[in-house]
Amino acid sequence: MSQEFSYDILEEIAVLSENTKGWTKELNLISWNGRPAKFDLRDWAPNHEKMGKGITLTNEEFAALKETLTKM
């Protein structure tokens, strides 16, 4: 069963890496299905035509991650 969804990349924050096929690992601010935007980390095909699996973080989760990384 295929599930339909929509997304809108509101801000492209960073490209962390690029593989030999042109896919990039990106940190973006994305609104999924018209909901409030979340931080999103995942692989993207060129021109954002396809996406790999990734993770989304709320503002609170992103702040906690940032704080943890800063302490390292």
N, C-alpha and C. Protein backbone atom coordinates (compact mmCIF):
# COMPACT_ATOMS: atom_id res chain seq x y z
N MET A 1 0.85 -1.17 0.00
CA MET A 1 0.00 0.00 0.00
C MET A 1 0.90 1.24 0.00
N SER A 2 0.69 2.11 -0.95
CA SER A 2 1.48 3.34 -1.07
C SER A 2 0.80 4.47 -0.31
N GLN A 3 1.60 5.18 0.49
CA GLN A 3 1.06 6.30 1.23
C GLN A 3 1.50 7.60 0.56
N GLU A 4 0.56 8.48 0.32
CA GLU A 4 0.86 9.78 -0.26
C GLU A 4 1.28 10.75 0.84
N PHE A 5 2.26 11.57 0.55
CA PHE A 5 2.66 12.60 1.50
C PHE A 5 3.22 13.77 0.71
N SER A 6 3.29 14.90 1.39
CA SER A 6 3.86 16.09 0.76
C SER A 6 4.90 16.68 1.69
N TYR A 7 5.83 17.42 1.09
CA TYR A 7 6.84 18.09 1.90
C TYR A 7 7.22 19.40 1.23
N ASP A 8 7.66 20.32 2.05
CA ASP A 8 8.11 21.62 1.57
C ASP A 8 9.40 21.95 2.30
N ILE A 9 10.51 22.04 1.56
CA ILE A 9 11.78 22.40 2.17
C ILE A 9 11.78 23.91 2.38
N LEU A 10 11.66 24.32 3.63
CA LEU A 10 11.57 25.74 3.96
C LEU A 10 12.94 26.39 4.03
N GLU A 11 13.95 25.63 4.47
CA GLU A 11 15.31 26.17 4.56
C GLU A 11 16.32 25.05 4.38
N GLU A 12 17.25 25.25 3.47
CA GLU A 12 18.36 24.31 3.29
C GLU A 12 19.50 24.80 4.17
N ILE A 13 19.73 24.10 5.28
CA ILE A 13 20.68 24.55 6.29
C ILE A 13 22.11 24.15 5.95
N ALA A 14 22.34 22.88 5.61
CA ALA A 14 23.71 22.42 5.34
C ALA A 14 23.71 21.16 4.50
N VAL A 15 24.71 21.06 3.63
CA VAL A 15 25.03 19.81 2.93
C VAL A 15 26.24 19.25 3.65
N LEU A 16 26.08 18.08 4.26
CA LEU A 16 27.14 17.49 5.07
C LEU A 16 28.10 16.64 4.26
N SER A 17 27.61 16.00 3.20
CA SER A 17 28.47 15.18 2.36
C SER A 17 27.77 14.90 1.03
N GLU A 18 28.56 14.39 0.07
CA GLU A 18 28.03 14.00 -1.23
C GLU A 18 28.72 12.72 -1.66
N ASN A 19 27.93 11.74 -2.14
CA ASN A 19 28.54 10.48 -2.58
C ASN A 19 28.84 10.53 -4.08
N THR A 20 29.40 9.46 -4.61
CA THR A 20 29.83 9.44 -6.01
C THR A 20 28.67 9.48 -7.00
N LYS A 21 27.47 9.15 -6.55
CA LYS A 21 26.29 9.20 -7.42
C LYS A 21 25.57 10.55 -7.36
N GLY A 22 26.12 11.48 -6.58
CA GLY A 22 25.53 12.80 -6.49
C GLY A 22 24.51 13.00 -5.38
N TRP A 23 24.22 11.94 -4.63
CA TRP A 23 23.30 12.07 -3.51
C TRP A 23 24.00 12.84 -2.39
N THR A 24 23.26 13.70 -1.71
CA THR A 24 23.82 14.51 -0.64
C THR A 24 23.12 14.22 0.68
N LYS A 25 23.89 14.24 1.76
CA LYS A 25 23.32 14.14 3.11
C LYS A 25 23.11 15.58 3.57
N GLU A 26 21.86 15.93 3.86
CA GLU A 26 21.51 17.32 4.13
C GLU A 26 20.76 17.49 5.45
N LEU A 27 20.98 18.65 6.05
CA LEU A 27 20.18 19.10 7.18
C LEU A 27 19.30 20.22 6.67
N ASN A 28 17.99 20.02 6.73
CA ASN A 28 17.02 20.99 6.23
C ASN A 28 15.92 21.22 7.25
N LEU A 29 15.19 22.30 7.06
CA LEU A 29 13.97 22.56 7.82
C LEU A 29 12.81 22.26 6.86
N ILE A 30 12.01 21.24 7.20
CA ILE A 30 10.99 20.74 6.28
C ILE A 30 9.63 20.68 6.96
N SER A 31 8.61 21.10 6.23
CA SER A 31 7.22 20.92 6.65
C SER A 31 6.69 19.67 5.94
N TRP A 32 6.27 18.69 6.72
CA TRP A 32 5.72 17.45 6.17
C TRP A 32 4.20 17.49 6.27
N ASN A 33 3.53 17.27 5.16
CA ASN A 33 2.06 17.21 5.10
C ASN A 33 1.40 18.45 5.69
N GLY A 34 2.02 19.62 5.46
CA GLY A 34 1.44 20.88 5.92
C GLY A 34 1.58 21.14 7.41
N ARG A 35 2.30 20.29 8.10
CA ARG A 35 2.48 20.45 9.55
C ARG A 35 3.62 21.42 9.84
N PRO A 36 3.76 21.84 11.10
CA PRO A 36 4.88 22.73 11.46
C PRO A 36 6.22 22.10 11.07
N ALA A 37 7.14 22.94 10.65
CA ALA A 37 8.44 22.47 10.16
C ALA A 37 9.25 21.82 11.27
N LYS A 38 10.07 20.82 10.86
CA LYS A 38 10.99 20.14 11.76
C LYS A 38 12.36 20.09 11.09
N PHE A 39 13.39 19.95 11.91
CA PHE A 39 14.72 19.72 11.38
C PHE A 39 14.75 18.31 10.81
N ASP A 40 15.39 18.14 9.67
CA ASP A 40 15.36 16.87 8.96
C ASP A 40 16.76 16.56 8.45
N LEU A 41 17.24 15.35 8.74
CA LEU A 41 18.55 14.91 8.30
C LEU A 41 18.37 13.64 7.48
N ARG A 42 18.72 13.71 6.17
CA ARG A 42 18.56 12.54 5.31
C ARG A 42 19.35 12.71 4.02
N ASP A 43 19.43 11.62 3.24
CA ASP A 43 20.07 11.65 1.93
C ASP A 43 19.05 12.09 0.88
N TRP A 44 19.53 12.90 -0.06
CA TRP A 44 18.70 13.39 -1.16
C TRP A 44 19.38 13.15 -2.49
N ALA A 45 18.59 12.75 -3.48
CA ALA A 45 19.09 12.65 -4.85
C ALA A 45 19.26 14.07 -5.39
N PRO A 46 20.03 14.22 -6.47
CA PRO A 46 20.17 15.55 -7.06
C PRO A 46 18.79 16.18 -7.35
N ASN A 47 18.70 17.47 -7.12
CA ASN A 47 17.47 18.25 -7.32
C ASN A 47 16.31 17.81 -6.43
N HIS A 48 16.62 17.09 -5.36
CA HIS A 48 15.60 16.62 -4.39
C HIS A 48 14.49 15.81 -5.06
N GLU A 49 14.87 15.04 -6.10
CA GLU A 49 13.89 14.22 -6.81
C GLU A 49 13.47 12.98 -6.02
N LYS A 50 14.43 12.42 -5.25
CA LYS A 50 14.16 11.25 -4.41
C LYS A 50 14.84 11.48 -3.07
N MET A 51 14.39 10.72 -2.06
CA MET A 51 14.97 10.85 -0.73
C MET A 51 15.21 9.48 -0.13
N GLY A 52 16.21 9.41 0.76
CA GLY A 52 16.47 8.21 1.52
C GLY A 52 15.80 8.32 2.88
N LYS A 53 15.95 7.29 3.67
CA LYS A 53 15.42 7.33 5.04
C LYS A 53 16.20 8.35 5.84
N GLY A 54 15.54 8.96 6.79
CA GLY A 54 16.19 9.97 7.60
C GLY A 54 15.52 10.10 8.95
N ILE A 55 15.90 11.15 9.65
CA ILE A 55 15.29 11.44 10.95
C ILE A 55 14.79 12.88 10.96
N THR A 56 13.75 13.11 11.73
CA THR A 56 13.25 14.46 11.94
C THR A 56 13.34 14.78 13.43
N LEU A 57 13.62 16.05 13.71
CA LEU A 57 13.76 16.49 15.10
C LEU A 57 12.92 17.75 15.32
N THR A 58 12.22 17.79 16.43
CA THR A 58 11.51 19.01 16.82
C THR A 58 12.55 20.05 17.25
N ASN A 59 12.12 21.27 17.46
CA ASN A 59 13.03 22.31 17.94
C ASN A 59 13.67 21.91 19.27
N GLU A 60 12.88 21.30 20.15
CA GLU A 60 13.39 20.89 21.45
C GLU A 60 14.41 19.77 21.31
N GLU A 61 14.14 18.80 20.45
CA GLU A 61 15.07 17.70 20.23
C GLU A 61 16.37 18.20 19.59
N PHE A 62 16.24 19.14 18.65
CA PHE A 62 17.42 19.70 18.00
C PHE A 62 18.28 20.47 19.01
N ALA A 63 17.63 21.23 19.89
CA ALA A 63 18.35 21.97 20.93
C ALA A 63 19.08 21.02 21.87
N ALA A 64 18.44 19.92 22.24
CA ALA A 64 19.08 18.93 23.12
C ALA A 64 20.27 18.28 22.43
N LEU A 65 20.14 17.97 21.15
CA LEU A 65 21.24 17.40 20.39
C LEU A 65 22.41 18.39 20.29
N LYS A 66 22.09 19.62 20.00
CA LYS A 66 23.12 20.67 19.90
C LYS A 66 23.86 20.81 21.22
N GLU A 67 23.13 20.83 22.32
CA GLU A 67 23.75 20.95 23.65
C GLU A 67 24.66 19.77 23.93
N THR A 68 24.20 18.58 23.59
CA THR A 68 25.00 17.37 23.80
C THR A 68 26.29 17.41 22.99
N LEU A 69 26.19 17.80 21.73
CA LEU A 69 27.37 17.86 20.87
C LEU A 69 28.35 18.94 21.32
N THR A 70 27.82 20.04 21.83
CA THR A 70 28.66 21.13 22.31
C THR A 70 29.50 20.68 23.51
N LYS A 71 28.95 19.80 24.34
CA LYS A 71 29.64 19.32 25.53
C LYS A 71 30.73 18.31 25.21
N MET A 72 30.74 17.77 24.02
CA MET A 72 31.74 16.75 23.65
C MET A 72 33.11 17.34 23.48
